C-alpha atoms as a PDB file:
ATOM      1  CA  UNK A   1     130.664  95.027  99.550  1.00  0.00           C
ATOM      2  CA  UNK A   2     129.457  95.149 103.109  1.00  0.00           C
ATOM      3  CA  UNK A   3     128.358  98.598 104.231  1.00  0.00           C
ATOM      4  CA  UNK A   4     127.926  99.080 107.945  1.00  0.00           C
ATOM      5  CA  UNK A   5     124.459 100.414 108.633  1.00  0.00           C
ATOM      6  CA  UNK A   6     123.061  99.563 105.214  1.00  0.00           C
ATOM      7  CA  UNK A   7     122.990 100.786 101.645  1.00  0.00           C
ATOM      8  CA  UNK A   8     121.181 104.039 100.833  1.00  0.00           C
ATOM      9  CA  UNK A   9     120.442 103.138  97.216  1.00  0.00           C
ATOM     10  CA  UNK A  10     118.967  99.719  98.025  1.00  0.00           C
ATOM     11  CA  UNK A  11     116.825 101.053 100.854  1.00  0.00           C
ATOM     12  CA  UNK A  12     115.635 103.965  98.735  1.00  0.00           C
ATOM     13  CA  UNK A  13     114.695 101.601  95.897  1.00  0.00           C
ATOM     14  CA  UNK A  14     112.716  99.479  98.380  1.00  0.00           C
ATOM     15  CA  UNK A  15     110.917 102.585  99.638  1.00  0.00           C
ATOM     16  CA  UNK A  16     110.060 103.740  96.096  1.00  0.00           C
ATOM     17  CA  UNK A  17     108.762 100.256  95.244  1.00  0.00           C
ATOM     18  CA  UNK A  18     106.628 100.282  98.389  1.00  0.00           C
ATOM     19  CA  UNK A  19     105.157 103.656  97.517  1.00  0.00           C
ATOM     20  CA  UNK A  20     104.353 102.468  94.005  1.00  0.00           C
ATOM     21  CA  UNK A  21     102.652  99.358  95.361  1.00  0.00           C
ATOM     22  CA  UNK A  22     100.453 101.665  97.422  1.00  0.00           C
ATOM     23  CA  UNK A  23      99.481 103.380  94.167  1.00  0.00           C
ATOM     24  CA  UNK A  24     101.524 106.524  94.711  1.00  0.00           C
ATOM     25  CA  UNK A  25     104.348 107.769  92.503  1.00  0.00           C
ATOM     26  CA  UNK A  26     106.871 109.634  94.691  1.00  0.00           C
ATOM     27  CA  UNK A  27     107.951 113.091  93.551  1.00  0.00           C
ATOM     28  CA  UNK A  28     111.596 114.109  93.200  1.00  0.00           C
ATOM     29  CA  UNK A  29     111.315 116.162  96.397  1.00  0.00           C
ATOM     30  CA  UNK A  30     109.879 113.194  98.310  1.00  0.00           C
ATOM     31  CA  UNK A  31     112.656 110.966  97.021  1.00  0.00           C
ATOM     32  CA  UNK A  32     115.324 113.502  98.038  1.00  0.00           C
ATOM     33  CA  UNK A  33     113.786 113.846 101.500  1.00  0.00           C
ATOM     34  CA  UNK A  34     113.590 110.079 101.927  1.00  0.00           C
ATOM     35  CA  UNK A  35     117.207 109.691 100.745  1.00  0.00           C
ATOM     36  CA  UNK A  36     118.328 112.188 103.401  1.00  0.00           C
ATOM     37  CA  UNK A  37     116.345 110.385 106.090  1.00  0.00           C
ATOM     38  CA  UNK A  38     117.733 106.984 105.094  1.00  0.00           C
ATOM     39  CA  UNK A  39     121.293 108.362 104.971  1.00  0.00           C
ATOM     40  CA  UNK A  40     120.906 109.769 108.495  1.00  0.00           C
ATOM     41  CA  UNK A  41     119.577 106.435 109.799  1.00  0.00           C
ATOM     42  CA  UNK A  42     122.444 104.566 108.154  1.00  0.00           C
ATOM     43  CA  UNK A  43     125.016 106.953 109.626  1.00  0.00           C
ATOM     44  CA  UNK A  44     123.563 106.309 113.092  1.00  0.00           C
ATOM     45  CA  UNK A  45     123.622 102.532 112.606  1.00  0.00           C
ATOM     46  CA  UNK A  46     127.174 102.660 111.232  1.00  0.00           C
ATOM     47  CA  UNK A  47     128.355 104.634 114.261  1.00  0.00           C
ATOM     48  CA  UNK A  48     126.672 102.128 116.583  1.00  0.00           C
ATOM     49  CA  UNK A  49     128.398  99.238 114.806  1.00  0.00           C
ATOM     50  CA  UNK A  50     131.795 100.932 114.933  1.00  0.00           C
ATOM     51  CA  UNK A  51     131.346 101.870 118.599  1.00  0.00           C
ATOM     52  CA  UNK A  52     130.558  98.219 119.344  1.00  0.00           C
ATOM     53  CA  UNK A  53     133.830  97.135 117.749  1.00  0.00           C
ATOM     54  CA  UNK A  54     132.998  96.957 114.062  1.00  0.00           C
ATOM     55  CA  UNK A  55     132.308  93.937 111.941  1.00  0.00           C
ATOM     56  CA  UNK A  56     133.939  90.569 112.438  1.00  0.00           C
ATOM     57  CA  UNK A  57     133.881  87.999 109.645  1.00  0.00           C
ATOM     58  CA  UNK A  58     133.492  84.564 111.179  1.00  0.00           C
ATOM     59  CA  UNK A  59     133.817  82.511 108.000  1.00  0.00           C
ATOM     60  CA  UNK A  60     135.151  83.235 104.572  1.00  0.00           C
ATOM     61  CA  UNK A  61     133.476  80.445 102.606  1.00  0.00           C
ATOM     62  CA  UNK A  62     130.141  81.147 100.998  1.00  0.00           C
ATOM     63  CA  UNK A  63     128.606  77.741 101.662  1.00  0.00           C
ATOM     64  CA  UNK A  64     128.077  76.427 105.170  1.00  0.00           C
ATOM     65  CA  UNK A  65     129.366  72.955 104.278  1.00  0.00           C
ATOM     66  CA  UNK A  66     132.771  74.358 103.332  1.00  0.00           C
ATOM     67  CA  UNK A  67     133.346  76.370 106.499  1.00  0.00           C
END
């Protein structure tokens, strides 16, 4: 499903992966703090999208050739 502003779980997983690639294992407290930060950013982006009129789907077919 489309989530205006983004998906907290996906962005958090990307952040954790990035931290691990740097050689650091994030603690539970760091993960909770990052989750809160991501959720706040997503809420802001969602509000911006809704204030601009929301999301409009221009095509319903998955493949360009069938649109």
